[in-house]
């Protein structure tokens, strides 16, 4: 899960279309070093009352600061927070 996303994703929609379903299925997206070398992020969508994404909630951290279990915990916290914000926006 924490493997780097190929650089081609930034350049092409077809590659992105393979990454997005994985993020949707997990409920959050991950990146490790693609944005800033040495940092990783987890992010979850915030949706409105229609279920459409209106924002993203991300946690960024030094890549070496968290192991797989720690990253899973951060992803759960980000997902939980995004769900709460979504609920407050009227999401079901």
N, C-alpha and C. Protein backbone atom coordinates (compact mmCIF):
# COMPACT_ATOMS: atom_id res chain seq x y z
N UNK A 1 0.82 -1.19 0.00
CA UNK A 1 0.00 0.00 0.00
C UNK A 1 0.86 1.25 0.00
N UNK A 2 2.00 1.23 0.63
CA UNK A 2 2.81 2.43 0.78
C UNK A 2 3.86 2.55 -0.31
N UNK A 3 3.74 1.77 -1.36
CA UNK A 3 4.66 1.88 -2.47
C UNK A 3 4.44 3.21 -3.16
N UNK A 4 5.49 3.71 -3.74
CA UNK A 4 5.37 4.99 -4.44
C UNK A 4 4.47 4.85 -5.66
N UNK A 5 3.68 5.87 -5.88
CA UNK A 5 2.84 5.92 -7.07
C UNK A 5 3.76 6.28 -8.24
N UNK A 6 3.66 5.58 -9.35
CA UNK A 6 4.54 5.88 -10.48
C UNK A 6 4.43 7.33 -10.92
N UNK A 7 5.55 7.92 -11.31
CA UNK A 7 5.56 9.31 -11.77
C UNK A 7 4.62 9.51 -12.95
N UNK A 8 4.36 8.44 -13.70
CA UNK A 8 3.46 8.55 -14.85
C UNK A 8 2.05 8.93 -14.43
N UNK A 9 1.69 8.67 -13.18
CA UNK A 9 0.34 9.03 -12.72
C UNK A 9 0.12 10.52 -12.88
N UNK A 10 1.13 11.30 -12.56
CA UNK A 10 0.99 12.75 -12.68
C UNK A 10 0.83 13.16 -14.14
N UNK A 11 1.32 12.36 -15.05
CA UNK A 11 1.30 12.73 -16.47
C UNK A 11 0.11 12.17 -17.24
N UNK A 12 -0.54 11.15 -16.73
CA UNK A 12 -1.59 10.53 -17.53
C UNK A 12 -2.82 10.14 -16.75
N UNK A 13 -3.96 10.36 -17.39
CA UNK A 13 -5.23 10.03 -16.76
C UNK A 13 -5.45 8.52 -16.64
N UNK A 14 -4.95 7.75 -17.57
CA UNK A 14 -5.20 6.31 -17.52
C UNK A 14 -4.56 5.68 -16.28
N UNK A 15 -3.37 6.11 -15.93
CA UNK A 15 -2.73 5.59 -14.73
C UNK A 15 -3.47 6.05 -13.48
N UNK A 16 -3.92 7.30 -13.49
CA UNK A 16 -4.67 7.83 -12.35
C UNK A 16 -5.96 7.05 -12.14
N UNK A 17 -6.56 6.62 -13.23
CA UNK A 17 -7.79 5.84 -13.12
C UNK A 17 -7.58 4.49 -12.45
N UNK A 18 -6.37 4.01 -12.42
CA UNK A 18 -6.10 2.76 -11.69
C UNK A 18 -5.87 3.02 -10.21
N UNK A 19 -5.35 4.20 -9.87
CA UNK A 19 -5.05 4.54 -8.47
C UNK A 19 -6.31 4.97 -7.72
N UNK A 20 -7.18 5.72 -8.37
CA UNK A 20 -8.36 6.24 -7.68
C UNK A 20 -9.29 5.16 -7.14
N UNK A 21 -9.59 4.11 -7.91
CA UNK A 21 -10.46 3.07 -7.35
C UNK A 21 -9.86 2.42 -6.09
N UNK A 22 -8.54 2.27 -6.07
CA UNK A 22 -7.89 1.71 -4.88
C UNK A 22 -8.09 2.62 -3.68
N UNK A 23 -7.92 3.93 -3.87
CA UNK A 23 -8.11 4.88 -2.78
C UNK A 23 -9.56 4.89 -2.33
N UNK A 24 -10.48 4.84 -3.27
CA UNK A 24 -11.90 4.80 -2.91
C UNK A 24 -12.23 3.55 -2.11
N UNK A 25 -11.70 2.42 -2.53
CA UNK A 25 -11.98 1.16 -1.83
C UNK A 25 -11.42 1.19 -0.41
N UNK A 26 -10.23 1.76 -0.23
CA UNK A 26 -9.63 1.87 1.10
C UNK A 26 -10.32 2.91 1.95
N UNK A 27 -10.84 3.96 1.28
CA UNK A 27 -11.43 5.08 2.00
C UNK A 27 -10.45 6.21 2.25
N UNK A 28 -9.24 6.06 1.75
CA UNK A 28 -8.23 7.10 1.90
C UNK A 28 -7.15 6.90 0.84
N UNK A 29 -6.41 7.98 0.60
CA UNK A 29 -5.30 7.95 -0.36
C UNK A 29 -3.99 8.03 0.41
N UNK A 30 -2.94 7.52 -0.21
CA UNK A 30 -1.61 7.57 0.40
C UNK A 30 -0.59 8.05 -0.62
N UNK A 31 0.46 8.65 -0.13
CA UNK A 31 1.61 8.97 -0.97
C UNK A 31 2.83 8.99 -0.06
N UNK A 32 3.95 8.63 -0.62
CA UNK A 32 5.19 8.61 0.15
C UNK A 32 6.32 9.16 -0.71
N UNK A 33 6.61 10.43 -0.52
CA UNK A 33 7.70 11.06 -1.24
C UNK A 33 7.35 11.63 -2.59
N UNK A 34 6.14 11.45 -3.08
CA UNK A 34 5.78 11.97 -4.40
C UNK A 34 5.63 13.49 -4.38
N UNK A 35 5.17 14.04 -3.28
CA UNK A 35 4.99 15.49 -3.19
C UNK A 35 6.27 16.15 -2.68
N UNK A 36 6.77 15.65 -1.55
CA UNK A 36 8.01 16.18 -0.96
C UNK A 36 8.85 15.01 -0.50
N UNK A 37 10.07 14.94 -0.98
CA UNK A 37 10.98 13.87 -0.59
C UNK A 37 11.12 13.84 0.93
N UNK A 38 11.01 12.64 1.50
CA UNK A 38 11.16 12.47 2.94
C UNK A 38 9.88 12.61 3.73
N UNK A 39 8.79 12.94 3.06
CA UNK A 39 7.50 13.08 3.73
C UNK A 39 6.46 12.18 3.07
N UNK A 40 5.51 11.74 3.85
CA UNK A 40 4.40 10.93 3.36
C UNK A 40 3.09 11.55 3.84
N UNK A 41 2.00 11.17 3.22
CA UNK A 41 0.68 11.70 3.59
C UNK A 41 -0.38 10.62 3.47
N UNK A 42 -1.41 10.79 4.27
CA UNK A 42 -2.65 10.04 4.10
C UNK A 42 -3.75 11.10 3.99
N UNK A 43 -4.77 10.83 3.19
CA UNK A 43 -5.83 11.81 3.00
C UNK A 43 -7.16 11.11 2.77
N UNK A 44 -8.21 11.74 3.25
CA UNK A 44 -9.56 11.22 3.08
C UNK A 44 -10.46 12.34 2.58
N UNK A 45 -11.45 11.97 1.79
CA UNK A 45 -12.38 12.96 1.22
C UNK A 45 -13.41 13.38 2.25
N UNK A 46 -13.77 14.64 2.18
CA UNK A 46 -14.90 15.20 2.92
C UNK A 46 -15.99 15.39 1.88
N UNK A 47 -17.18 14.88 2.16
CA UNK A 47 -18.28 14.97 1.20
C UNK A 47 -19.42 15.81 1.78
N UNK A 48 -20.22 16.39 0.88
CA UNK A 48 -21.35 17.19 1.31
C UNK A 48 -22.62 16.34 1.38
N UNK A 49 -23.74 16.98 1.55
CA UNK A 49 -25.02 16.29 1.70
C UNK A 49 -25.42 15.50 0.46
N UNK A 50 -24.81 15.80 -0.69
CA UNK A 50 -25.11 15.04 -1.90
C UNK A 50 -24.15 13.88 -2.10
N UNK A 51 -23.15 13.78 -1.22
CA UNK A 51 -22.15 12.72 -1.35
C UNK A 51 -20.99 13.08 -2.25
N UNK A 52 -20.97 14.31 -2.72
CA UNK A 52 -19.87 14.74 -3.59
C UNK A 52 -18.72 15.28 -2.76
N UNK A 53 -17.50 14.99 -3.17
CA UNK A 53 -16.35 15.51 -2.43
C UNK A 53 -16.26 17.03 -2.52
N UNK A 54 -16.06 17.67 -1.37
CA UNK A 54 -15.94 19.12 -1.32
C UNK A 54 -14.61 19.56 -0.71
N UNK A 55 -13.91 18.64 -0.09
CA UNK A 55 -12.62 18.97 0.53
C UNK A 55 -11.87 17.67 0.78
N UNK A 56 -10.64 17.83 1.17
CA UNK A 56 -9.84 16.69 1.57
C UNK A 56 -9.20 16.97 2.91
N UNK A 57 -9.07 15.96 3.72
CA UNK A 57 -8.41 16.09 5.01
C UNK A 57 -7.14 15.24 4.94
N UNK A 58 -5.99 15.88 5.08
CA UNK A 58 -4.72 15.17 4.93
C UNK A 58 -3.86 15.32 6.18
N UNK A 59 -3.08 14.30 6.43
CA UNK A 59 -2.07 14.31 7.48
C UNK A 59 -0.74 14.02 6.79
N UNK A 60 0.22 14.91 6.97
CA UNK A 60 1.54 14.75 6.37
C UNK A 60 2.56 14.56 7.50
N UNK A 61 3.52 13.67 7.27
CA UNK A 61 4.48 13.32 8.31
C UNK A 61 5.79 12.91 7.68
N UNK A 62 6.86 12.94 8.47
CA UNK A 62 8.15 12.47 7.97
C UNK A 62 8.04 10.97 7.72
N UNK A 63 8.49 10.54 6.58
CA UNK A 63 8.34 9.14 6.16
C UNK A 63 8.87 8.15 7.18
N UNK A 64 9.99 8.46 7.80
CA UNK A 64 10.59 7.51 8.75
C UNK A 64 9.93 7.55 10.13
N UNK A 65 9.01 8.48 10.35
CA UNK A 65 8.42 8.64 11.68
C UNK A 65 7.41 7.55 12.04
N UNK A 66 6.79 6.92 11.03
CA UNK A 66 5.75 5.93 11.30
C UNK A 66 5.99 4.66 10.51
N UNK A 67 5.86 3.54 11.19
CA UNK A 67 5.91 2.24 10.51
C UNK A 67 4.53 1.95 9.92
N UNK A 68 4.37 0.76 9.36
CA UNK A 68 3.09 0.39 8.71
C UNK A 68 1.91 0.52 9.68
N UNK A 69 2.07 0.06 10.91
CA UNK A 69 0.98 0.14 11.89
C UNK A 69 0.67 1.58 12.24
N UNK A 70 1.70 2.39 12.39
CA UNK A 70 1.49 3.81 12.69
C UNK A 70 0.80 4.54 11.56
N UNK A 71 1.18 4.20 10.34
CA UNK A 71 0.53 4.81 9.18
C UNK A 71 -0.92 4.38 9.07
N UNK A 72 -1.21 3.14 9.38
CA UNK A 72 -2.59 2.66 9.36
C UNK A 72 -3.41 3.42 10.41
N UNK A 73 -2.81 3.66 11.57
CA UNK A 73 -3.50 4.41 12.63
C UNK A 73 -3.78 5.84 12.16
N UNK A 74 -2.79 6.49 11.54
CA UNK A 74 -2.99 7.85 11.03
C UNK A 74 -4.09 7.87 9.97
N UNK A 75 -4.10 6.88 9.09
CA UNK A 75 -5.13 6.81 8.06
C UNK A 75 -6.51 6.67 8.69
N UNK A 76 -6.61 5.86 9.73
CA UNK A 76 -7.90 5.70 10.42
C UNK A 76 -8.34 7.02 11.06
N UNK A 77 -7.41 7.72 11.67
CA UNK A 77 -7.74 9.00 12.29
C UNK A 77 -8.18 10.03 11.25
N UNK A 78 -7.48 10.09 10.13
CA UNK A 78 -7.85 11.01 9.06
C UNK A 78 -9.22 10.66 8.50
N UNK A 79 -9.45 9.38 8.29
CA UNK A 79 -10.74 8.93 7.77
C UNK A 79 -11.87 9.25 8.74
N UNK A 80 -11.64 9.00 10.00
CA UNK A 80 -12.65 9.29 11.03
C UNK A 80 -12.95 10.79 11.08
N UNK A 81 -11.93 11.62 11.04
CA UNK A 81 -12.13 13.06 11.07
C UNK A 81 -12.88 13.54 9.82
N UNK A 82 -12.52 13.00 8.64
CA UNK A 82 -13.21 13.38 7.41
C UNK A 82 -14.68 12.98 7.46
N UNK A 83 -14.96 11.81 8.03
CA UNK A 83 -16.37 11.39 8.17
C UNK A 83 -17.13 12.33 9.08
N UNK A 84 -16.50 12.78 10.16
CA UNK A 84 -17.17 13.70 11.09
C UNK A 84 -17.44 15.04 10.42
N UNK A 85 -16.48 15.59 9.70
CA UNK A 85 -16.70 16.84 8.99
C UNK A 85 -17.81 16.64 7.95
N UNK A 86 -17.78 15.53 7.25
CA UNK A 86 -18.82 15.22 6.26
C UNK A 86 -20.19 15.17 6.94
N UNK A 87 -20.27 14.52 8.08
CA UNK A 87 -21.54 14.43 8.81
C UNK A 87 -22.06 15.83 9.16
N UNK A 88 -21.15 16.69 9.57
CA UNK A 88 -21.55 18.05 9.94
C UNK A 88 -22.00 18.86 8.72
N UNK A 89 -21.57 18.43 7.54
CA UNK A 89 -22.01 19.08 6.30
C UNK A 89 -23.29 18.47 5.76
N UNK A 90 -23.83 17.50 6.48
CA UNK A 90 -25.09 16.90 6.08
C UNK A 90 -24.99 15.59 5.36
N UNK A 91 -23.77 15.05 5.25
CA UNK A 91 -23.61 13.73 4.60
C UNK A 91 -24.28 12.66 5.43
N UNK A 92 -24.72 11.61 4.76
CA UNK A 92 -25.37 10.51 5.48
C UNK A 92 -24.38 9.50 5.95
